[in-house]
């Protein structure tokens, strides 16, 4: 079996130490689970955005033990050819959790 600072063992598989750091960082990510579902999305009037910007719709955020509405806004694209994928609330066995919006090509 290999040993040394550049390898580690995870479930019988030898991985480079750099992979272990990535796995550990991911597993330590903080996810907040909420036991009550978010309210219905508010219908917002969208505003035309300037060139190079996209409309980011409003969403419910969990803050200080309650849902708070964050209104929609225009956001600058990080590069040409990208578009905004809105965030969303998902349900799992632990409750509701937020998947953040992101830019996509």
PDB file of N, CA and C in Angstrom:
ATOM      1  N   UNK A   1       0.849  -1.181   0.000  1.00  0.00           N
ATOM      2  CA  UNK A   1       0.000   0.000   0.000  1.00  0.00           C
ATOM      3  C   UNK A   1       0.888   1.234   0.000  1.00  0.00           C
ATOM      4  N   UNK A   2       0.484   2.276  -0.753  1.00  0.00           N
ATOM      5  CA  UNK A   2       1.256   3.497  -0.842  1.00  0.00           C
ATOM      6  C   UNK A   2       1.027   4.338   0.401  1.00  0.00           C
ATOM      7  N   UNK A   3       2.031   5.079   0.781  1.00  0.00           N
ATOM      8  CA  UNK A   3       1.864   6.005   1.899  1.00  0.00           C
ATOM      9  C   UNK A   3       2.709   7.229   1.619  1.00  0.00           C
ATOM     10  N   UNK A   4       2.500   8.258   2.404  1.00  0.00           N
ATOM     11  CA  UNK A   4       3.258   9.487   2.219  1.00  0.00           C
ATOM     12  C   UNK A   4       2.331  10.684   2.154  1.00  0.00           C
ATOM     13  N   UNK A   5       2.891  11.890   2.064  1.00  0.00           N
ATOM     14  CA  UNK A   5       2.086  13.095   2.119  1.00  0.00           C
ATOM     15  C   UNK A   5       1.220  13.330   0.888  1.00  0.00           C
ATOM     16  N   UNK A   6       1.503  12.678  -0.249  1.00  0.00           N
ATOM     17  CA  UNK A   6       0.737  12.972  -1.459  1.00  0.00           C
ATOM     18  C   UNK A   6      -0.436  12.029  -1.678  1.00  0.00           C
ATOM     19  N   UNK A   7      -0.669  11.093  -0.778  1.00  0.00           N
ATOM     20  CA  UNK A   7      -1.784  10.174  -0.966  1.00  0.00           C
ATOM     21  C   UNK A   7      -2.596  10.058   0.311  1.00  0.00           C
ATOM     22  N   UNK A   8      -3.825   9.620   0.150  1.00  0.00           N
ATOM     23  CA  UNK A   8      -4.691   9.356   1.285  1.00  0.00           C
ATOM     24  C   UNK A   8      -5.596   8.202   0.916  1.00  0.00           C
ATOM     25  N   UNK A   9      -6.222   7.590   1.887  1.00  0.00           N
ATOM     26  CA  UNK A   9      -7.076   6.443   1.615  1.00  0.00           C
ATOM     27  C   UNK A   9      -8.501   6.805   1.984  1.00  0.00           C
ATOM     28  N   UNK A  10      -9.423   6.582   1.042  1.00  0.00           N
ATOM     29  CA  UNK A  10     -10.832   6.847   1.267  1.00  0.00           C
ATOM     30  C   UNK A  10     -11.617   5.664   0.739  1.00  0.00           C
ATOM     31  N   UNK A  11     -12.218   4.885   1.639  1.00  0.00           N
ATOM     32  CA  UNK A  11     -12.991   3.696   1.263  1.00  0.00           C
ATOM     33  C   UNK A  11     -12.184   2.762   0.375  1.00  0.00           C
ATOM     34  N   UNK A  12     -10.956   2.529   0.721  1.00  0.00           N
ATOM     35  CA  UNK A  12     -10.126   1.574   0.000  1.00  0.00           C
ATOM     36  C   UNK A  12      -9.547   2.105  -1.299  1.00  0.00           C
ATOM     37  N   UNK A  13      -9.799   3.361  -1.641  1.00  0.00           N
ATOM     38  CA  UNK A  13      -9.267   3.933  -2.864  1.00  0.00           C
ATOM     39  C   UNK A  13      -8.171   4.915  -2.509  1.00  0.00           C
ATOM     40  N   UNK A  14      -7.075   4.861  -3.217  1.00  0.00           N
ATOM     41  CA  UNK A  14      -5.977   5.790  -2.976  1.00  0.00           C
ATOM     42  C   UNK A  14      -6.224   7.038  -3.811  1.00  0.00           C
ATOM     43  N   UNK A  15      -6.262   8.183  -3.142  1.00  0.00           N
ATOM     44  CA  UNK A  15      -6.501   9.453  -3.808  1.00  0.00           C
ATOM     45  C   UNK A  15      -5.362  10.423  -3.516  1.00  0.00           C
ATOM     46  N   UNK A  16      -5.080  11.326  -4.434  1.00  0.00           N
ATOM     47  CA  UNK A  16      -4.099  12.372  -4.124  1.00  0.00           C
ATOM     48  C   UNK A  16      -4.602  13.223  -2.963  1.00  0.00           C
ATOM     49  N   UNK A  17      -3.689  13.751  -2.175  1.00  0.00           N
ATOM     50  CA  UNK A  17      -4.067  14.568  -1.019  1.00  0.00           C
ATOM     51  C   UNK A  17      -4.918  15.763  -1.445  1.00  0.00           C
ATOM     52  N   UNK A  18      -4.686  16.334  -2.632  1.00  0.00           N
ATOM     53  CA  UNK A  18      -5.462  17.483  -3.088  1.00  0.00           C
ATOM     54  C   UNK A  18      -6.937  17.124  -3.236  1.00  0.00           C
ATOM     55  N   UNK A  19      -7.260  15.899  -3.616  1.00  0.00           N
ATOM     56  CA  UNK A  19      -8.653  15.474  -3.731  1.00  0.00           C
ATOM     57  C   UNK A  19      -9.314  15.435  -2.366  1.00  0.00           C
ATOM     58  N   UNK A  20      -8.573  15.024  -1.374  1.00  0.00           N
ATOM     59  CA  UNK A  20      -9.139  14.957  -0.032  1.00  0.00           C
ATOM     60  C   UNK A  20      -9.521  16.344   0.467  1.00  0.00           C
ATOM     61  N   UNK A  21      -8.717  17.347   0.146  1.00  0.00           N
ATOM     62  CA  UNK A  21      -9.036  18.706   0.558  1.00  0.00           C
ATOM     63  C   UNK A  21     -10.344  19.148  -0.097  1.00  0.00           C
ATOM     64  N   UNK A  22     -10.515  18.861  -1.374  1.00  0.00           N
ATOM     65  CA  UNK A  22     -11.751  19.219  -2.073  1.00  0.00           C
ATOM     66  C   UNK A  22     -12.936  18.496  -1.451  1.00  0.00           C
ATOM     67  N   UNK A  23     -12.818  17.204  -1.191  1.00  0.00           N
ATOM     68  CA  UNK A  23     -13.912  16.447  -0.595  1.00  0.00           C
ATOM     69  C   UNK A  23     -14.269  16.983   0.788  1.00  0.00           C
ATOM     70  N   UNK A  24     -13.261  17.306   1.581  1.00  0.00           N
ATOM     71  CA  UNK A  24     -13.506  17.811   2.922  1.00  0.00           C
ATOM     72  C   UNK A  24     -14.159  19.198   2.864  1.00  0.00           C
ATOM     73  N   UNK A  25     -13.713  20.054   1.942  1.00  0.00           N
ATOM     74  CA  UNK A  25     -14.294  21.384   1.825  1.00  0.00           C
ATOM     75  C   UNK A  25     -15.761  21.283   1.445  1.00  0.00           C
ATOM     76  N   UNK A  26     -16.087  20.422   0.501  1.00  0.00           N
ATOM     77  CA  UNK A  26     -17.471  20.256   0.064  1.00  0.00           C
ATOM     78  C   UNK A  26     -18.332  19.737   1.207  1.00  0.00           C
ATOM     79  N   UNK A  27     -17.843  18.770   1.944  1.00  0.00           N
ATOM     80  CA  UNK A  27     -18.642  18.173   3.006  1.00  0.00           C
ATOM     81  C   UNK A  27     -18.858  19.134   4.176  1.00  0.00           C
ATOM     82  N   UNK A  28     -18.039  20.181   4.276  1.00  0.00           N
ATOM     83  CA  UNK A  28     -18.175  21.137   5.367  1.00  0.00           C
ATOM     84  C   UNK A  28     -19.035  22.335   4.982  1.00  0.00           C
ATOM     85  N   UNK A  29     -19.582  22.341   3.767  1.00  0.00           N
ATOM     86  CA  UNK A  29     -20.410  23.463   3.323  1.00  0.00           C
ATOM     87  C   UNK A  29     -21.611  23.599   4.254  1.00  0.00           C
ATOM     88  N   UNK A  30     -21.963  24.831   4.556  1.00  0.00           N
ATOM     89  CA  UNK A  30     -23.066  25.100   5.468  1.00  0.00           C
ATOM     90  C   UNK A  30     -24.376  25.198   4.691  1.00  0.00           C
ATOM     91  N   UNK A  31     -25.294  24.311   4.994  1.00  0.00           N
ATOM     92  CA  UNK A  31     -26.620  24.332   4.388  1.00  0.00           C
ATOM     93  C   UNK A  31     -27.624  24.525   5.508  1.00  0.00           C
ATOM     94  N   UNK A  32     -28.500  25.503   5.331  1.00  0.00           N
ATOM     95  CA  UNK A  32     -29.555  25.737   6.313  1.00  0.00           C
ATOM     96  C   UNK A  32     -30.819  25.042   5.843  1.00  0.00           C
ATOM     97  N   UNK A  33     -31.371  24.211   6.702  1.00  0.00           N
ATOM     98  CA  UNK A  33     -32.632  23.527   6.410  1.00  0.00           C
ATOM     99  C   UNK A  33     -33.740  24.212   7.181  1.00  0.00           C
ATOM    100  N   UNK A  34     -34.849  24.472   6.491  1.00  0.00           N
ATOM    101  CA  UNK A  34     -35.990  25.157   7.080  1.00  0.00           C
ATOM    102  C   UNK A  34     -37.162  24.185   7.096  1.00  0.00           C
ATOM    103  N   UNK A  35     -37.855  24.096   8.228  1.00  0.00           N
ATOM    104  CA  UNK A  35     -38.931  23.103   8.356  1.00  0.00           C
ATOM    105  C   UNK A  35     -40.233  23.528   7.665  1.00  0.00           C
ATOM    106  N   UNK A  36     -40.424  24.814   7.448  1.00  0.00           N
ATOM    107  CA  UNK A  36     -41.644  25.285   6.783  1.00  0.00           C
ATOM    108  C   UNK A  36     -41.348  25.655   5.331  1.00  0.00           C
ATOM    109  N   UNK A  37     -42.268  25.370   4.425  1.00  0.00           N
ATOM    110  CA  UNK A  37     -42.026  25.702   3.021  1.00  0.00           C
ATOM    111  C   UNK A  37     -42.023  27.217   2.807  1.00  0.00           C
ATOM    112  N   UNK A  38     -41.332  27.674   1.770  1.00  0.00           N
ATOM    113  CA  UNK A  38     -41.341  29.115   1.492  1.00  0.00           C
ATOM    114  C   UNK A  38     -42.712  29.551   0.991  1.00  0.00           C
ATOM    115  N   UNK A  39     -43.066  30.817   1.208  1.00  0.00           N
ATOM    116  CA  UNK A  39     -44.331  31.323   0.651  1.00  0.00           C
ATOM    117  C   UNK A  39     -44.290  31.288  -0.879  1.00  0.00           C
ATOM    118  N   UNK A  40     -45.445  31.483  -1.480  1.00  0.00           N
ATOM    119  CA  UNK A  40     -45.502  31.528  -2.938  1.00  0.00           C
ATOM    120  C   UNK A  40     -44.679  32.710  -3.446  1.00  0.00           C
ATOM    121  N   UNK A  41     -44.089  32.537  -4.627  1.00  0.00           N
ATOM    122  CA  UNK A  41     -43.302  33.598  -5.250  1.00  0.00           C
ATOM    123  C   UNK A  41     -44.208  34.801  -5.525  1.00  0.00           C
ATOM    124  N   UNK A  42     -43.716  35.989  -5.226  1.00  0.00           N
ATOM    125  CA  UNK A  42     -44.474  37.204  -5.519  1.00  0.00           C
ATOM    126  C   UNK A  42     -44.372  37.496  -7.009  1.00  0.00           C
ATOM    127  N   UNK A  43     -45.473  37.968  -7.569  1.00  0.00           N
ATOM    128  CA  UNK A  43     -45.455  38.370  -8.971  1.00  0.00           C
ATOM    129  C   UNK A  43     -44.867  39.775  -9.020  1.00  0.00           C
ATOM    130  N   UNK A  44     -43.771  39.909  -9.746  1.00  0.00           N
ATOM    131  CA  UNK A  44     -43.092  41.191  -9.844  1.00  0.00           C
ATOM    132  C   UNK A  44     -43.180  41.736 -11.265  1.00  0.00           C
ATOM    133  N   UNK A  45     -43.202  43.026 -11.358  1.00  0.00           N
ATOM    134  CA  UNK A  45     -43.103  43.656 -12.664  1.00  0.00           C
ATOM    135  C   UNK A  45     -41.606  43.693 -13.004  1.00  0.00           C
ATOM    136  N   UNK A  46     -41.238  43.062 -14.098  1.00  0.00           N
ATOM    137  CA  UNK A  46     -39.830  43.083 -14.494  1.00  0.00           C
ATOM    138  C   UNK A  46     -39.497  44.418 -15.142  1.00  0.00           C
ATOM    139  N   UNK A  47     -38.271  44.794 -15.019  1.00  0.00           N
ATOM    140  CA  UNK A  47     -37.804  46.045 -15.598  1.00  0.00           C
ATOM    141  C   UNK A  47     -36.798  45.729 -16.695  1.00  0.00           C
ATOM    142  N   UNK A  48     -36.815  46.496 -17.797  1.00  0.00           N
ATOM    143  CA  UNK A  48     -35.808  46.249 -18.826  1.00  0.00           C
ATOM    144  C   UNK A  48     -34.415  46.553 -18.263  1.00  0.00           C
ATOM    145  N   UNK A  49     -33.493  45.675 -18.550  1.00  0.00           N
ATOM    146  CA  UNK A  49     -32.128  45.852 -18.061  1.00  0.00           C
ATOM    147  C   UNK A  49     -31.263  46.477 -19.157  1.00  0.00           C
ATOM    148  N   UNK A  50     -30.248  47.188 -18.740  1.00  0.00           N
ATOM    149  CA  UNK A  50     -29.296  47.789 -19.673  1.00  0.00           C
ATOM    150  C   UNK A  50     -28.528  46.689 -20.411  1.00  0.00           C
ATOM    151  N   UNK A  51     -27.904  47.057 -21.500  1.00  0.00           N
ATOM    152  CA  UNK A  51     -27.084  46.129 -22.278  1.00  0.00           C
ATOM    153  C   UNK A  51     -26.047  45.457 -21.367  1.00  0.00           C
ATOM    154  N   UNK A  52     -25.909  44.133 -21.501  1.00  0.00           N
ATOM    155  CA  UNK A  52     -24.928  43.395 -20.710  1.00  0.00           C
ATOM    156  C   UNK A  52     -25.411  42.997 -19.328  1.00  0.00           C
ATOM    157  N   UNK A  53     -26.702  43.211 -19.056  1.00  0.00           N
ATOM    158  CA  UNK A  53     -27.272  42.831 -17.757  1.00  0.00           C
ATOM    159  C   UNK A  53     -28.470  41.921 -17.972  1.00  0.00           C
ATOM    160  N   UNK A  54     -28.786  41.103 -16.969  1.00  0.00           N
ATOM    161  CA  UNK A  54     -29.956  40.231 -16.986  1.00  0.00           C
ATOM    162  C   UNK A  54     -30.828  40.525 -15.773  1.00  0.00           C
ATOM    163  N   UNK A  55     -32.129  40.241 -15.921  1.00  0.00           N
ATOM    164  CA  UNK A  55     -33.049  40.356 -14.802  1.00  0.00           C
ATOM    165  C   UNK A  55     -32.900  39.140 -13.897  1.00  0.00           C
ATOM    166  N   UNK A  56     -32.654  39.402 -12.628  1.00  0.00           N
ATOM    167  CA  UNK A  56     -32.582  38.350 -11.607  1.00  0.00           C
ATOM    168  C   UNK A  56     -33.878  38.452 -10.811  1.00  0.00           C
ATOM    169  N   UNK A  57     -34.776  37.451 -10.930  1.00  0.00           N
ATOM    170  CA  UNK A  57     -36.070  37.555 -10.240  1.00  0.00           C
ATOM    171  C   UNK A  57     -35.921  37.558  -8.725  1.00  0.00           C
ATOM    172  N   UNK A  58     -36.921  38.149  -8.073  1.00  0.00           N
ATOM    173  CA  UNK A  58     -36.942  38.159  -6.613  1.00  0.00           C
ATOM    174  C   UNK A  58     -37.119  36.747  -6.063  1.00  0.00           C
ATOM    175  N   UNK A  59     -36.787  36.582  -4.799  1.00  0.00           N
ATOM    176  CA  UNK A  59     -36.873  35.260  -4.166  1.00  0.00           C
ATOM    177  C   UNK A  59     -37.012  35.423  -2.659  1.00  0.00           C
ATOM    178  N   UNK A  60     -37.511  34.378  -2.039  1.00  0.00           N
ATOM    179  CA  UNK A  60     -37.599  34.345  -0.585  1.00  0.00           C
ATOM    180  C   UNK A  60     -36.265  33.876  -0.001  1.00  0.00           C
ATOM    181  N   UNK A  61     -35.788  34.596   0.999  1.00  0.00           N
ATOM    182  CA  UNK A  61     -34.564  34.216   1.719  1.00  0.00           C
ATOM    183  C   UNK A  61     -34.959  33.928   3.169  1.00  0.00           C
ATOM    184  N   UNK A  62     -34.213  33.035   3.817  1.00  0.00           N
ATOM    185  CA  UNK A  62     -34.455  32.717   5.228  1.00  0.00           C
ATOM    186  C   UNK A  62     -33.483  33.531   6.063  1.00  0.00           C
ATOM    187  N   UNK A  63     -34.020  34.483   6.842  1.00  0.00           N
ATOM    188  CA  UNK A  63     -33.173  35.344   7.682  1.00  0.00           C
ATOM    189  C   UNK A  63     -33.815  35.520   9.046  1.00  0.00           C
ATOM    190  N   UNK A  64     -33.021  35.344  10.073  1.00  0.00           N
ATOM    191  CA  UNK A  64     -33.480  35.550  11.455  1.00  0.00           C
ATOM    192  C   UNK A  64     -34.767  34.799  11.775  1.00  0.00           C
ATOM    193  N   UNK A  65     -34.859  33.542  11.306  1.00  0.00           N
ATOM    194  CA  UNK A  65     -35.990  32.699  11.653  1.00  0.00           C
ATOM    195  C   UNK A  65     -37.270  32.953  10.871  1.00  0.00           C
ATOM    196  N   UNK A  66     -37.181  33.697   9.768  1.00  0.00           N
ATOM    197  CA  UNK A  66     -38.377  33.941   8.957  1.00  0.00           C
ATOM    198  C   UNK A  66     -37.983  34.163   7.497  1.00  0.00           C
ATOM    199  N   UNK A  67     -38.970  34.005   6.625  1.00  0.00           N
ATOM    200  CA  UNK A  67     -38.740  34.285   5.208  1.00  0.00           C
ATOM    201  C   UNK A  67     -38.826  35.787   4.971  1.00  0.00           C
ATOM    202  N   UNK A  68     -37.903  36.286   4.157  1.00  0.00           N
ATOM    203  CA  UNK A  68     -37.856  37.699   3.797  1.00  0.00           C
ATOM    204  C   UNK A  68     -37.778  37.777   2.274  1.00  0.00           C
ATOM    205  N   UNK A  69     -38.599  38.627   1.670  1.00  0.00           N
ATOM    206  CA  UNK A  69     -38.605  38.763   0.216  1.00  0.00           C
ATOM    207  C   UNK A  69     -37.451  39.660  -0.230  1.00  0.00           C
ATOM    208  N   UNK A  70     -36.643  39.156  -1.167  1.00  0.00           N
ATOM    209  CA  UNK A  70     -35.586  39.944  -1.787  1.00  0.00           C
ATOM    210  C   UNK A  70     -36.064  40.286  -3.197  1.00  0.00           C
ATOM    211  N   UNK A  71     -36.300  41.556  -3.491  1.00  0.00           N
ATOM    212  CA  UNK A  71     -36.866  41.917  -4.790  1.00  0.00           C
ATOM    213  C   UNK A  71     -35.903  41.656  -5.946  1.00  0.00           C
ATOM    214  N   UNK A  72     -36.493  41.497  -7.138  1.00  0.00           N
ATOM    215  CA  UNK A  72     -35.702  41.286  -8.342  1.00  0.00           C
ATOM    216  C   UNK A  72     -34.892  42.529  -8.693  1.00  0.00           C
ATOM    217  N   UNK A  73     -33.864  42.315  -9.500  1.00  0.00           N
ATOM    218  CA  UNK A  73     -32.988  43.420  -9.891  1.00  0.00           C
ATOM    219  C   UNK A  73     -32.193  43.037 -11.138  1.00  0.00           C
ATOM    220  N   UNK A  74     -31.594  44.023 -11.766  1.00  0.00           N
ATOM    221  CA  UNK A  74     -30.718  43.769 -12.910  1.00  0.00           C
ATOM    222  C   UNK A  74     -29.310  43.501 -12.392  1.00  0.00           C
ATOM    223  N   UNK A  75     -28.658  42.522 -13.006  1.00  0.00           N
ATOM    224  CA  UNK A  75     -27.309  42.146 -12.574  1.00  0.00           C
ATOM    225  C   UNK A  75     -26.412  42.013 -13.807  1.00  0.00           C
ATOM    226  N   UNK A  76     -25.218  42.558 -13.711  1.00  0.00           N
ATOM    227  CA  UNK A  76     -24.282  42.535 -14.833  1.00  0.00           C
ATOM    228  C   UNK A  76     -23.812  41.111 -15.122  1.00  0.00           C
ATOM    229  N   UNK A  77     -23.842  40.740 -16.396  1.00  0.00           N
ATOM    230  CA  UNK A  77     -23.332  39.426 -16.801  1.00  0.00           C
ATOM    231  C   UNK A  77     -21.817  39.384 -16.606  1.00  0.00           C
ATOM    232  N   UNK A  78     -21.287  38.256 -16.137  1.00  0.00           N
ATOM    233  CA  UNK A  78     -19.832  38.162 -15.939  1.00  0.00           C
ATOM    234  C   UNK A  78     -19.079  38.126 -17.269  1.00  0.00           C
ATOM    235  N   UNK A  79     -19.734  37.637 -18.327  1.00  0.00           N
ATOM    236  CA  UNK A  79     -19.136  37.620 -19.670  1.00  0.00           C
ATOM    237  C   UNK A  79     -20.241  37.436 -20.694  1.00  0.00           C
ATOM    238  N   UNK A  80     -19.943  37.786 -21.926  1.00  0.00           N
ATOM    239  CA  UNK A  80     -20.922  37.677 -23.003  1.00  0.00           C
ATOM    240  C   UNK A  80     -21.356  36.224 -23.178  1.00  0.00           C
ATOM    241  N   UNK A  81     -22.602  36.037 -23.564  1.00  0.00           N
ATOM    242  CA  UNK A  81     -23.102  34.688 -23.831  1.00  0.00           C
ATOM    243  C   UNK A  81     -23.597  33.948 -22.606  1.00  0.00           C
ATOM    244  N   UNK A  82     -23.632  34.592 -21.455  1.00  0.00           N
ATOM    245  CA  UNK A  82     -24.127  33.930 -20.247  1.00  0.00           C
ATOM    246  C   UNK A  82     -25.561  34.378 -19.975  1.00  0.00           C
ATOM    247  N   UNK A  83     -26.269  33.570 -19.208  1.00  0.00           N
ATOM    248  CA  UNK A  83     -27.628  33.920 -18.788  1.00  0.00           C
ATOM    249  C   UNK A  83     -27.814  33.490 -17.338  1.00  0.00           C
ATOM    250  N   UNK A  84     -28.743  34.136 -16.664  1.00  0.00           N
ATOM    251  CA  UNK A  84     -29.005  33.867 -15.248  1.00  0.00           C
ATOM    252  C   UNK A  84     -29.962  32.696 -15.096  1.00  0.00           C
ATOM    253  N   UNK A  85     -29.566  31.711 -14.285  1.00  0.00           N
ATOM    254  CA  UNK A  85     -30.426  30.594 -13.896  1.00  0.00           C
ATOM    255  C   UNK A  85     -30.899  30.913 -12.478  1.00  0.00           C
ATOM    256  N   UNK A  86     -32.196  31.157 -12.283  1.00  0.00           N
ATOM    257  CA  UNK A  86     -32.675  31.561 -10.951  1.00  0.00           C
ATOM    258  C   UNK A  86     -32.462  30.479  -9.884  1.00  0.00           C
ATOM    259  N   UNK A  87     -32.287  30.937  -8.648  1.00  0.00           N
ATOM    260  CA  UNK A  87     -32.207  30.018  -7.521  1.00  0.00           C
ATOM    261  C   UNK A  87     -33.584  29.452  -7.213  1.00  0.00           C
ATOM    262  N   UNK A  88     -33.613  28.435  -6.365  1.00  0.00           N
ATOM    263  CA  UNK A  88     -34.901  27.825  -6.023  1.00  0.00           C
ATOM    264  C   UNK A  88     -34.809  27.106  -4.685  1.00  0.00           C
ATOM    265  N   UNK A  89     -35.944  26.949  -4.046  1.00  0.00           N
ATOM    266  CA  UNK A  89     -36.059  26.168  -2.823  1.00  0.00           C
ATOM    267  C   UNK A  89     -36.379  24.727  -3.202  1.00  0.00           C
ATOM    268  N   UNK A  90     -35.687  23.791  -2.578  1.00  0.00           N
ATOM    269  CA  UNK A  90     -35.913  22.354  -2.797  1.00  0.00           C
ATOM    270  C   UNK A  90     -36.269  21.704  -1.471  1.00  0.00           C
ATOM    271  N   UNK A  91     -37.079  20.656  -1.537  1.00  0.00           N
ATOM    272  CA  UNK A  91     -37.453  19.903  -0.328  1.00  0.00           C
ATOM    273  C   UNK A  91     -36.673  18.600  -0.284  1.00  0.00           C
ATOM    274  N   UNK A  92     -36.226  18.245   0.907  1.00  0.00           N
ATOM    275  CA  UNK A  92     -35.572  16.957   1.133  1.00  0.00           C
ATOM    276  C   UNK A  92     -36.038  16.446   2.497  1.00  0.00           C
ATOM    277  N   UNK A  93     -35.509  15.323   2.924  1.00  0.00           N
ATOM    278  CA  UNK A  93     -35.908  14.736   4.210  1.00  0.00           C
ATOM    279  C   UNK A  93     -35.623  15.659   5.391  1.00  0.00           C
ATOM    280  N   UNK A  94     -34.602  16.520   5.271  1.00  0.00           N
ATOM    281  CA  UNK A  94     -34.224  17.416   6.369  1.00  0.00           C
ATOM    282  C   UNK A  94     -35.024  18.715   6.392  1.00  0.00           C
ATOM    283  N   UNK A  95     -35.788  18.970   5.342  1.00  0.00           N
ATOM    284  CA  UNK A  95     -36.562  20.209   5.266  1.00  0.00           C
ATOM    285  C   UNK A  95     -36.363  20.886   3.919  1.00  0.00           C
ATOM    286  N   UNK A  96     -36.545  22.197   3.895  1.00  0.00           N
ATOM    287  CA  UNK A  96     -36.373  22.998   2.687  1.00  0.00           C
ATOM    288  C   UNK A  96     -34.994  23.638   2.708  1.00  0.00           C
ATOM    289  N   UNK A  97     -34.336  23.700   1.548  1.00  0.00           N
ATOM    290  CA  UNK A  97     -33.028  24.345   1.465  1.00  0.00           C
ATOM    291  C   UNK A  97     -32.932  25.120   0.157  1.00  0.00           C
ATOM    292  N   UNK A  98     -32.120  26.159   0.160  1.00  0.00           N
ATOM    293  CA  UNK A  98     -31.982  27.069  -0.976  1.00  0.00           C
ATOM    294  C   UNK A  98     -30.831  26.643  -1.886  1.00  0.00           C
ATOM    295  N   UNK A  99     -31.119  26.581  -3.181  1.00  0.00           N
ATOM    296  CA  UNK A  99     -30.085  26.357  -4.196  1.00  0.00           C
ATOM    297  C   UNK A  99     -29.888  27.721  -4.864  1.00  0.00           C
ATOM    298  N   UNK A 100     -28.737  28.338  -4.691  1.00  0.00           N
ATOM    299  CA  UNK A 100     -28.524  29.694  -5.231  1.00  0.00           C
ATOM    300  C   UNK A 100     -28.594  29.751  -6.746  1.00  0.00           C
ATOM    301  N   UNK A 101     -28.985  30.918  -7.261  1.00  0.00           N
ATOM    302  CA  UNK A 101     -28.944  31.160  -8.690  1.00  0.00           C
ATOM    303  C   UNK A 101     -27.497  31.211  -9.169  1.00  0.00           C
ATOM    304  N   UNK A 102     -27.336  31.106 -10.494  1.00  0.00           N
ATOM    305  CA  UNK A 102     -25.970  31.106 -11.041  1.00  0.00           C
ATOM    306  C   UNK A 102     -25.993  31.546 -12.494  1.00  0.00           C
ATOM    307  N   UNK A 103     -24.827  31.877 -12.986  1.00  0.00           N
ATOM    308  CA  UNK A 103     -24.656  32.208 -14.399  1.00  0.00           C
ATOM    309  C   UNK A 103     -24.335  30.940 -15.168  1.00  0.00           C
ATOM    310  N   UNK A 104     -24.878  30.833 -16.381  1.00  0.00           N
ATOM    311  CA  UNK A 104     -24.636  29.653 -17.220  1.00  0.00           C
ATOM    312  C   UNK A 104     -24.424  30.113 -18.649  1.00  0.00           C
ATOM    313  N   UNK A 105     -23.656  29.327 -19.398  1.00  0.00           N
ATOM    314  CA  UNK A 105     -23.446  29.632 -20.828  1.00  0.00           C
ATOM    315  C   UNK A 105     -24.541  29.030 -21.656  1.00  0.00           C
TER     316      UNK A 105
END
